[in-house]
PDB file of N, CA and C in Angstrom:
ATOM      1  N   UNK A   1      18.286 -53.447  27.582  1.00  0.00           N
ATOM      2  CA  UNK A   1      16.691 -52.957  28.195  1.00  0.00           C
ATOM      3  C   UNK A   1      17.046 -51.447  28.478  1.00  0.00           C
ATOM      4  N   UNK A   2      17.526 -51.034  29.045  1.00  0.00           N
ATOM      5  CA  UNK A   2      17.790 -49.625  29.603  1.00  0.00           C
ATOM      6  C   UNK A   2      18.795 -48.823  28.755  1.00  0.00           C
ATOM      7  N   UNK A   3      18.740 -49.111  27.497  1.00  0.00           N
ATOM      8  CA  UNK A   3      19.485 -48.368  26.589  1.00  0.00           C
ATOM      9  C   UNK A   3      18.689 -47.207  25.973  1.00  0.00           C
ATOM     10  N   UNK A   4      19.240 -45.624  26.193  1.00  0.00           N
ATOM     11  CA  UNK A   4      18.630 -44.608  25.486  1.00  0.00           C
ATOM     12  C   UNK A   4      19.416 -44.507  24.455  1.00  0.00           C
ATOM     13  N   UNK A   5      18.296 -43.619  23.665  1.00  0.00           N
ATOM     14  CA  UNK A   5      18.330 -43.596  22.210  1.00  0.00           C
ATOM     15  C   UNK A   5      19.002 -42.243  22.045  1.00  0.00           C
ATOM     16  N   UNK A   6      19.930 -41.735  21.915  1.00  0.00           N
ATOM     17  CA  UNK A   6      20.611 -40.235  21.902  1.00  0.00           C
ATOM     18  C   UNK A   6      21.156 -40.377  20.602  1.00  0.00           C
ATOM     19  N   UNK A   7      20.967 -39.212  20.197  1.00  0.00           N
ATOM     20  CA  UNK A   7      21.336 -38.348  18.802  1.00  0.00           C
ATOM     21  C   UNK A   7      22.752 -37.792  18.783  1.00  0.00           C
ATOM     22  N   UNK A   8      23.588 -38.105  17.678  1.00  0.00           N
ATOM     23  CA  UNK A   8      24.755 -37.231  17.639  1.00  0.00           C
ATOM     24  C   UNK A   8      24.347 -35.442  17.944  1.00  0.00           C
ATOM     25  N   UNK A   9      26.003 -35.108  18.117  1.00  0.00           N
ATOM     26  CA  UNK A   9      25.785 -33.595  18.527  1.00  0.00           C
ATOM     27  C   UNK A   9      25.635 -33.277  17.207  1.00  0.00           C
ATOM     28  N   UNK A  10      25.356 -33.441  16.167  1.00  0.00           N
ATOM     29  CA  UNK A  10      25.412 -32.941  14.670  1.00  0.00           C
ATOM     30  C   UNK A  10      23.682 -33.137  14.361  1.00  0.00           C
ATOM     31  N   UNK A  11      23.128 -33.885  15.127  1.00  0.00           N
ATOM     32  CA  UNK A  11      21.876 -34.296  14.844  1.00  0.00           C
ATOM     33  C   UNK A  11      20.956 -32.851  15.436  1.00  0.00           C
ATOM     34  N   UNK A  12      21.596 -32.776  17.040  1.00  0.00           N
ATOM     35  CA  UNK A  12      20.730 -31.898  17.510  1.00  0.00           C
ATOM     36  C   UNK A  12      21.103 -30.344  17.041  1.00  0.00           C
ATOM     37  N   UNK A  13      22.343 -30.433  16.447  1.00  0.00           N
ATOM     38  CA  UNK A  13      22.670 -29.140  15.798  1.00  0.00           C
ATOM     39  C   UNK A  13      21.799 -28.570  14.405  1.00  0.00           C
ATOM     40  N   UNK A  14      21.441 -30.026  13.562  1.00  0.00           N
ATOM     41  CA  UNK A  14      20.738 -29.657  12.318  1.00  0.00           C
ATOM     42  C   UNK A  14      19.306 -29.367  13.259  1.00  0.00           C
ATOM     43  N   UNK A  15      18.606 -30.030  13.785  1.00  0.00           N
ATOM     44  CA  UNK A  15      17.506 -29.497  14.416  1.00  0.00           C
ATOM     45  C   UNK A  15      17.180 -28.055  15.110  1.00  0.00           C
ATOM     46  N   UNK A  16      17.815 -27.875  15.781  1.00  0.00           N
ATOM     47  CA  UNK A  16      18.402 -26.527  16.677  1.00  0.00           C
ATOM     48  C   UNK A  16      18.331 -25.521  15.422  1.00  0.00           C
ATOM     49  N   UNK A  17      19.318 -25.743  14.237  1.00  0.00           N
ATOM     50  CA  UNK A  17      19.034 -25.010  12.789  1.00  0.00           C
ATOM     51  C   UNK A  17      17.574 -24.685  12.297  1.00  0.00           C
ATOM     52  N   UNK A  18      17.238 -25.892  11.909  1.00  0.00           N
ATOM     53  CA  UNK A  18      16.287 -26.183  11.275  1.00  0.00           C
ATOM     54  C   UNK A  18      14.969 -25.660  11.984  1.00  0.00           C
ATOM     55  N   UNK A  19      14.749 -25.599  12.813  1.00  0.00           N
ATOM     56  CA  UNK A  19      13.515 -24.577  13.656  1.00  0.00           C
ATOM     57  C   UNK A  19      14.171 -23.438  14.095  1.00  0.00           C
ATOM     58  N   UNK A  20      15.041 -22.908  14.259  1.00  0.00           N
ATOM     59  CA  UNK A  20      15.259 -21.411  13.343  1.00  0.00           C
ATOM     60  C   UNK A  20      15.178 -21.066  12.385  1.00  0.00           C
ATOM     61  N   UNK A  21      15.224 -21.592  11.303  1.00  0.00           N
ATOM     62  CA  UNK A  21      14.857 -21.117   9.865  1.00  0.00           C
ATOM     63  C   UNK A  21      13.392 -21.054   9.619  1.00  0.00           C
ATOM     64  N   UNK A  22      12.720 -22.155  10.568  1.00  0.00           N
ATOM     65  CA  UNK A  22      11.155 -22.258  10.202  1.00  0.00           C
ATOM     66  C   UNK A  22      10.707 -21.000  10.746  1.00  0.00           C
ATOM     67  N   UNK A  23      11.425 -20.333  11.745  1.00  0.00           N
ATOM     68  CA  UNK A  23      10.590 -19.555  12.518  1.00  0.00           C
ATOM     69  C   UNK A  23       9.633 -18.159  11.399  1.00  0.00           C
ATOM     70  N   UNK A  24       9.049 -17.864  11.286  1.00  0.00           N
ATOM     71  CA  UNK A  24       8.365 -16.925  10.748  1.00  0.00           C
ATOM     72  C   UNK A  24       9.084 -15.294  11.343  1.00  0.00           C
ATOM     73  N   UNK A  25       9.336 -14.489  10.345  1.00  0.00           N
ATOM     74  CA  UNK A  25       9.872 -13.022  11.289  1.00  0.00           C
ATOM     75  C   UNK A  25       8.542 -12.434  10.764  1.00  0.00           C
ATOM     76  N   UNK A  26       7.777 -11.726  11.947  1.00  0.00           N
ATOM     77  CA  UNK A  26       6.378 -11.399  12.119  1.00  0.00           C
ATOM     78  C   UNK A  26       7.315  -9.779  12.576  1.00  0.00           C
ATOM     79  N   UNK A  27       6.330  -8.857  11.312  1.00  0.00           N
ATOM     80  CA  UNK A  27       6.508  -7.081  11.564  1.00  0.00           C
ATOM     81  C   UNK A  27       5.568  -7.139  12.016  1.00  0.00           C
ATOM     82  N   UNK A  28       5.121  -5.755  12.573  1.00  0.00           N
ATOM     83  CA  UNK A  28       3.627  -5.285  13.524  1.00  0.00           C
ATOM     84  C   UNK A  28       3.111  -5.215  11.890  1.00  0.00           C
ATOM     85  N   UNK A  29       1.764  -5.325  12.484  1.00  0.00           N
ATOM     86  CA  UNK A  29       0.877  -4.795  11.406  1.00  0.00           C
ATOM     87  C   UNK A  29       0.404  -3.245  12.080  1.00  0.00           C
ATOM     88  N   UNK A  30       0.494  -2.464  10.934  1.00  0.00           N
ATOM     89  CA  UNK A  30      -0.001  -1.150  11.084  1.00  0.00           C
ATOM     90  C   UNK A  30      -1.550  -1.080  10.691  1.00  0.00           C
ATOM     91  N   UNK A  31      -2.247  -0.397  11.567  1.00  0.00           N
ATOM     92  CA  UNK A  31      -3.946  -0.350  11.342  1.00  0.00           C
ATOM     93  C   UNK A  31      -3.748   0.084   9.851  1.00  0.00           C
ATOM     94  N   UNK A  32      -5.130  -0.333   9.973  1.00  0.00           N
ATOM     95  CA  UNK A  32      -5.914   0.320   8.099  1.00  0.00           C
ATOM     96  C   UNK A  32      -5.951   1.523   8.151  1.00  0.00           C
ATOM     97  N   UNK A  33      -6.236   2.151   8.986  1.00  0.00           N
ATOM     98  CA  UNK A  33      -6.086   3.718   8.933  1.00  0.00           C
ATOM     99  C   UNK A  33      -4.941   4.549   8.815  1.00  0.00           C
ATOM    100  N   UNK A  34      -4.007   3.839   9.456  1.00  0.00           N
ATOM    101  CA  UNK A  34      -2.546   4.395   9.359  1.00  0.00           C
ATOM    102  C   UNK A  34      -1.984   4.319   8.256  1.00  0.00           C
ATOM    103  N   UNK A  35      -2.127   3.016   7.506  1.00  0.00           N
ATOM    104  CA  UNK A  35      -1.397   2.635   6.522  1.00  0.00           C
ATOM    105  C   UNK A  35      -2.354   3.464   5.289  1.00  0.00           C
ATOM    106  N   UNK A  36      -3.362   3.564   4.980  1.00  0.00           N
ATOM    107  CA  UNK A  36      -4.149   4.382   4.576  1.00  0.00           C
ATOM    108  C   UNK A  36      -3.872   5.730   4.205  1.00  0.00           C
ATOM    109  N   UNK A  37      -3.214   6.473   5.557  1.00  0.00           N
ATOM    110  CA  UNK A  37      -2.957   7.678   5.473  1.00  0.00           C
ATOM    111  C   UNK A  37      -1.683   7.814   4.859  1.00  0.00           C
ATOM    112  N   UNK A  38      -0.696   7.188   5.398  1.00  0.00           N
ATOM    113  CA  UNK A  38       0.743   6.741   5.014  1.00  0.00           C
ATOM    114  C   UNK A  38       0.866   7.096   3.726  1.00  0.00           C
ATOM    115  N   UNK A  39      -0.193   6.384   2.796  1.00  0.00           N
ATOM    116  CA  UNK A  39      -0.156   6.256   1.361  1.00  0.00           C
ATOM    117  C   UNK A  39      -0.652   7.018   1.347  1.00  0.00           C
ATOM    118  N   UNK A  40      -1.625   7.794   1.095  1.00  0.00           N
ATOM    119  CA  UNK A  40      -1.853   9.322   0.950  1.00  0.00           C
ATOM    120  C   UNK A  40      -0.759   9.987   0.649  1.00  0.00           C
ATOM    121  N   UNK A  41       0.222  10.278   2.144  1.00  0.00           N
ATOM    122  CA  UNK A  41       0.605  11.371   2.095  1.00  0.00           C
ATOM    123  C   UNK A  41       2.057  10.638   1.424  1.00  0.00           C
ATOM    124  N   UNK A  42       2.112   9.605   1.045  1.00  0.00           N
ATOM    125  CA  UNK A  42       3.216   9.215  -0.167  1.00  0.00           C
ATOM    126  C   UNK A  42       3.354   9.642  -1.280  1.00  0.00           C
ATOM    127  N   UNK A  43       1.850   9.336  -1.748  1.00  0.00           N
ATOM    128  CA  UNK A  43       1.471   9.637  -2.924  1.00  0.00           C
ATOM    129  C   UNK A  43       1.615  11.233  -3.259  1.00  0.00           C
ATOM    130  N   UNK A  44       1.102  11.850  -2.445  1.00  0.00           N
ATOM    131  CA  UNK A  44       1.400  13.679  -2.119  1.00  0.00           C
ATOM    132  C   UNK A  44       2.511  13.862  -2.794  1.00  0.00           C
ATOM    133  N   UNK A  45       3.065  13.536  -2.015  1.00  0.00           N
ATOM    134  CA  UNK A  45       4.670  13.903  -2.046  1.00  0.00           C
ATOM    135  C   UNK A  45       5.678  13.498  -3.045  1.00  0.00           C
ATOM    136  N   UNK A  46       5.337  12.339  -3.527  1.00  0.00           N
ATOM    137  CA  UNK A  46       5.679  11.657  -4.667  1.00  0.00           C
ATOM    138  C   UNK A  46       5.727  12.887  -5.782  1.00  0.00           C
ATOM    139  N   UNK A  47       6.900  12.898  -6.647  1.00  0.00           N
ATOM    140  CA  UNK A  47       7.601  14.034  -8.022  1.00  0.00           C
ATOM    141  C   UNK A  47       6.426  12.899  -9.191  1.00  0.00           C
ATOM    142  N   UNK A  48       6.461  11.682  -8.953  1.00  0.00           N
ATOM    143  CA  UNK A  48       6.268  10.856  -9.777  1.00  0.00           C
ATOM    144  C   UNK A  48       4.944  10.839 -10.132  1.00  0.00           C
ATOM    145  N   UNK A  49       4.043  11.066  -9.168  1.00  0.00           N
ATOM    146  CA  UNK A  49       2.688  10.722  -9.432  1.00  0.00           C
ATOM    147  C   UNK A  49       2.004  12.695  -9.727  1.00  0.00           C
ATOM    148  N   UNK A  50       0.740  12.540 -10.208  1.00  0.00           N
ATOM    149  CA  UNK A  50       0.111  13.301 -10.260  1.00  0.00           C
ATOM    150  C   UNK A  50      -0.476  14.416  -9.712  1.00  0.00           C
ATOM    151  N   UNK A  51       0.063  15.766  -8.929  1.00  0.00           N
ATOM    152  CA  UNK A  51      -0.849  16.085  -7.355  1.00  0.00           C
ATOM    153  C   UNK A  51      -2.212  16.201  -7.602  1.00  0.00           C
ATOM    154  N   UNK A  52      -3.098  16.502  -8.459  1.00  0.00           N
ATOM    155  CA  UNK A  52      -4.336  16.648  -8.631  1.00  0.00           C
ATOM    156  C   UNK A  52      -4.965  15.047  -8.592  1.00  0.00           C
ATOM    157  N   UNK A  53      -4.620  14.103  -8.882  1.00  0.00           N
ATOM    158  CA  UNK A  53      -4.733  12.947  -9.145  1.00  0.00           C
ATOM    159  C   UNK A  53      -4.451  11.832  -7.471  1.00  0.00           C
ATOM    160  N   UNK A  54      -3.366  12.432  -6.950  1.00  0.00           N
ATOM    161  CA  UNK A  54      -3.345  12.060  -5.695  1.00  0.00           C
ATOM    162  C   UNK A  54      -4.200  12.542  -4.549  1.00  0.00           C
ATOM    163  N   UNK A  55      -4.547  13.750  -5.044  1.00  0.00           N
ATOM    164  CA  UNK A  55      -5.540  14.338  -4.122  1.00  0.00           C
ATOM    165  C   UNK A  55      -6.963  13.518  -3.761  1.00  0.00           C
ATOM    166  N   UNK A  56      -7.387  13.881  -5.295  1.00  0.00           N
ATOM    167  CA  UNK A  56      -8.786  12.854  -5.504  1.00  0.00           C
ATOM    168  C   UNK A  56      -8.876  11.284  -4.981  1.00  0.00           C
ATOM    169  N   UNK A  57      -7.263  10.585  -5.329  1.00  0.00           N
ATOM    170  CA  UNK A  57      -7.340   9.288  -4.572  1.00  0.00           C
ATOM    171  C   UNK A  57      -7.680   9.492  -2.739  1.00  0.00           C
ATOM    172  N   UNK A  58      -7.075  10.356  -2.677  1.00  0.00           N
ATOM    173  CA  UNK A  58      -6.721  10.951  -1.030  1.00  0.00           C
ATOM    174  C   UNK A  58      -8.193  11.017  -0.502  1.00  0.00           C
ATOM    175  N   UNK A  59      -8.448  12.463  -1.115  1.00  0.00           N
ATOM    176  CA  UNK A  59      -9.794  12.831  -0.880  1.00  0.00           C
ATOM    177  C   UNK A  59     -11.373  11.595  -1.079  1.00  0.00           C
ATOM    178  N   UNK A  60     -11.073  10.866  -1.607  1.00  0.00           N
ATOM    179  CA  UNK A  60     -12.135   9.634  -1.808  1.00  0.00           C
ATOM    180  C   UNK A  60     -11.927   8.493  -1.706  1.00  0.00           C
ATOM    181  N   UNK A  61     -11.044   7.847  -1.930  1.00  0.00           N
ATOM    182  CA  UNK A  61     -10.616   6.711  -2.332  1.00  0.00           C
ATOM    183  C   UNK A  61      -9.845   5.688  -0.722  1.00  0.00           C
ATOM    184  N   UNK A  62      -8.789   6.639  -0.458  1.00  0.00           N
ATOM    185  CA  UNK A  62      -8.177   6.002   0.415  1.00  0.00           C
ATOM    186  C   UNK A  62      -8.281   6.472   1.737  1.00  0.00           C
ATOM    187  N   UNK A  63      -9.296   6.420   2.114  1.00  0.00           N
ATOM    188  CA  UNK A  63     -10.239   6.336   3.466  1.00  0.00           C
ATOM    189  C   UNK A  63     -10.302   5.647   4.442  1.00  0.00           C
ATOM    190  N   UNK A  64     -10.372   5.218   5.490  1.00  0.00           N
ATOM    191  CA  UNK A  64     -10.886   4.282   5.902  1.00  0.00           C
ATOM    192  C   UNK A  64     -12.259   3.782   6.208  1.00  0.00           C
ATOM    193  N   UNK A  65     -12.748   4.540   5.768  1.00  0.00           N
ATOM    194  CA  UNK A  65     -14.548   4.295   5.605  1.00  0.00           C
ATOM    195  C   UNK A  65     -14.901   4.971   4.750  1.00  0.00           C
ATOM    196  N   UNK A  66     -14.580   5.009   3.612  1.00  0.00           N
ATOM    197  CA  UNK A  66     -15.440   5.495   1.905  1.00  0.00           C
ATOM    198  C   UNK A  66     -16.791   5.488   2.136  1.00  0.00           C
ATOM    199  N   UNK A  67     -16.610   7.106   1.168  1.00  0.00           N
ATOM    200  CA  UNK A  67     -18.630   6.764   1.056  1.00  0.00           C
ATOM    201  C   UNK A  67     -19.205   6.226  -0.209  1.00  0.00           C
ATOM    202  N   UNK A  68     -20.197   5.471   0.135  1.00  0.00           N
ATOM    203  CA  UNK A  68     -20.797   4.433  -0.651  1.00  0.00           C
ATOM    204  C   UNK A  68     -20.456   4.879  -2.295  1.00  0.00           C
ATOM    205  N   UNK A  69     -20.858   6.505  -2.220  1.00  0.00           N
ATOM    206  CA  UNK A  69     -20.759   6.781  -3.952  1.00  0.00           C
ATOM    207  C   UNK A  69     -19.107   7.300  -4.278  1.00  0.00           C
ATOM    208  N   UNK A  70     -18.158   6.472  -3.600  1.00  0.00           N
ATOM    209  CA  UNK A  70     -16.613   7.235  -3.324  1.00  0.00           C
ATOM    210  C   UNK A  70     -16.193   7.036  -5.048  1.00  0.00           C
ATOM    211  N   UNK A  71     -16.339   6.342  -5.432  1.00  0.00           N
ATOM    212  CA  UNK A  71     -15.923   5.852  -6.707  1.00  0.00           C
ATOM    213  C   UNK A  71     -16.596   6.728  -8.013  1.00  0.00           C
ATOM    214  N   UNK A  72     -17.861   7.076  -7.807  1.00  0.00           N
ATOM    215  CA  UNK A  72     -18.402   7.883  -8.561  1.00  0.00           C
ATOM    216  C   UNK A  72     -18.102   9.145  -8.172  1.00  0.00           C
ATOM    217  N   UNK A  73     -17.296   9.603  -6.998  1.00  0.00           N
ATOM    218  CA  UNK A  73     -17.086  10.961  -6.428  1.00  0.00           C
ATOM    219  C   UNK A  73     -16.130  11.426  -6.962  1.00  0.00           C
ATOM    220  N   UNK A  74     -15.273  10.057  -6.865  1.00  0.00           N
ATOM    221  CA  UNK A  74     -13.595  10.313  -7.724  1.00  0.00           C
ATOM    222  C   UNK A  74     -13.723   9.888  -8.829  1.00  0.00           C
ATOM    223  N   UNK A  75     -14.568   9.491  -9.744  1.00  0.00           N
ATOM    224  CA  UNK A  75     -14.789   9.668 -11.452  1.00  0.00           C
ATOM    225  C   UNK A  75     -15.172  10.796 -11.959  1.00  0.00           C
ATOM    226  N   UNK A  76     -15.595  11.839 -11.085  1.00  0.00           N
ATOM    227  CA  UNK A  76     -16.374  12.835 -11.259  1.00  0.00           C
ATOM    228  C   UNK A  76     -15.100  14.131 -11.498  1.00  0.00           C
ATOM    229  N   UNK A  77     -14.177  13.337 -10.108  1.00  0.00           N
ATOM    230  CA  UNK A  77     -13.508  14.578  -9.999  1.00  0.00           C
ATOM    231  C   UNK A  77     -12.305  14.349 -10.890  1.00  0.00           C
ATOM    232  N   UNK A  78     -12.109  13.637 -11.185  1.00  0.00           N
ATOM    233  CA  UNK A  78     -10.708  12.822 -12.510  1.00  0.00           C
ATOM    234  C   UNK A  78     -11.558  13.774 -14.062  1.00  0.00           C
ATOM    235  N   UNK A  79     -12.898  13.681 -14.292  1.00  0.00           N
ATOM    236  CA  UNK A  79     -13.360  14.246 -15.170  1.00  0.00           C
ATOM    237  C   UNK A  79     -12.855  15.648 -15.533  1.00  0.00           C
ATOM    238  N   UNK A  80     -13.463  16.154 -14.244  1.00  0.00           N
ATOM    239  CA  UNK A  80     -13.423  17.702 -13.696  1.00  0.00           C
ATOM    240  C   UNK A  80     -11.795  17.965 -14.202  1.00  0.00           C
ATOM    241  N   UNK A  81     -10.996  17.375 -13.431  1.00  0.00           N
ATOM    242  CA  UNK A  81      -9.329  17.413 -13.758  1.00  0.00           C
ATOM    243  C   UNK A  81      -9.192  17.367 -15.510  1.00  0.00           C
ATOM    244  N   UNK A  82      -9.467  16.731 -15.992  1.00  0.00           N
ATOM    245  CA  UNK A  82      -9.356  16.420 -17.365  1.00  0.00           C
ATOM    246  C   UNK A  82      -9.791  17.593 -17.965  1.00  0.00           C
ATOM    247  N   UNK A  83     -11.165  17.670 -17.957  1.00  0.00           N
ATOM    248  CA  UNK A  83     -11.657  18.671 -18.849  1.00  0.00           C
ATOM    249  C   UNK A  83     -10.762  20.225 -18.300  1.00  0.00           C
ATOM    250  N   UNK A  84     -10.484  20.709 -16.982  1.00  0.00           N
ATOM    251  CA  UNK A  84      -9.688  22.327 -16.889  1.00  0.00           C
ATOM    252  C   UNK A  84      -8.476  22.000 -17.930  1.00  0.00           C
ATOM    253  N   UNK A  85      -7.552  20.491 -17.783  1.00  0.00           N
ATOM    254  CA  UNK A  85      -6.536  20.502 -18.650  1.00  0.00           C
ATOM    255  C   UNK A  85      -6.839  20.305 -19.667  1.00  0.00           C
ATOM    256  N   UNK A  86      -7.742  19.955 -20.079  1.00  0.00           N
ATOM    257  CA  UNK A  86      -8.207  20.234 -21.880  1.00  0.00           C
ATOM    258  C   UNK A  86      -8.342  21.569 -22.435  1.00  0.00           C
ATOM    259  N   UNK A  87      -9.289  22.329 -21.561  1.00  0.00           N
ATOM    260  CA  UNK A  87      -9.689  23.742 -22.203  1.00  0.00           C
ATOM    261  C   UNK A  87      -8.796  24.808 -22.778  1.00  0.00           C
ATOM    262  N   UNK A  88      -7.624  24.968 -21.650  1.00  0.00           N
ATOM    263  CA  UNK A  88      -6.616  25.561 -21.944  1.00  0.00           C
ATOM    264  C   UNK A  88      -6.000  25.424 -23.432  1.00  0.00           C
ATOM    265  N   UNK A  89      -5.568  24.510 -23.693  1.00  0.00           N
ATOM    266  CA  UNK A  89      -4.953  23.819 -24.872  1.00  0.00           C
ATOM    267  C   UNK A  89      -6.088  23.714 -26.213  1.00  0.00           C
ATOM    268  N   UNK A  90      -7.269  23.896 -26.029  1.00  0.00           N
ATOM    269  CA  UNK A  90      -8.162  24.628 -26.845  1.00  0.00           C
ATOM    270  C   UNK A  90      -8.152  25.534 -27.298  1.00  0.00           C
ATOM    271  N   UNK A  91      -8.010  26.325 -26.436  1.00  0.00           N
ATOM    272  CA  UNK A  91      -8.168  27.811 -26.566  1.00  0.00           C
ATOM    273  C   UNK A  91      -6.903  28.519 -27.118  1.00  0.00           C
ATOM    274  N   UNK A  92      -5.654  27.991 -26.743  1.00  0.00           N
ATOM    275  CA  UNK A  92      -4.149  28.384 -27.151  1.00  0.00           C
ATOM    276  C   UNK A  92      -4.636  27.844 -28.518  1.00  0.00           C
ATOM    277  N   UNK A  93      -5.235  26.474 -29.416  1.00  0.00           N
ATOM    278  CA  UNK A  93      -4.965  26.189 -30.512  1.00  0.00           C
ATOM    279  C   UNK A  93      -6.033  27.425 -31.194  1.00  0.00           C
ATOM    280  N   UNK A  94      -7.236  27.695 -30.766  1.00  0.00           N
ATOM    281  CA  UNK A  94      -7.968  28.570 -31.806  1.00  0.00           C
ATOM    282  C   UNK A  94      -7.009  30.326 -32.044  1.00  0.00           C
ATOM    283  N   UNK A  95      -6.205  30.473 -31.277  1.00  0.00           N
ATOM    284  CA  UNK A  95      -5.626  31.712 -31.426  1.00  0.00           C
ATOM    285  C   UNK A  95      -4.952  31.600 -33.247  1.00  0.00           C
TER     286      UNK A  95
END
């Protein structure tokens, strides 16, 4: 009647290991404005990203509280950059 149920040392080690594995590693959460600011700076600093487009994204879309017309403003800015880039090429072809 007074028998205790005890597992083997191997069972205890297995339980201990499985508990350690199941523990997710939690990384600190970055605030949205810090994340967006960091992303904006990374885009601007990258040689693989168009500088004008990175500026447009940063100014209009990568903000913690974008304006209601942010997409329309970004679109207009992109169209302006495209027009500016297209016009010198057209002038050179006319010569």
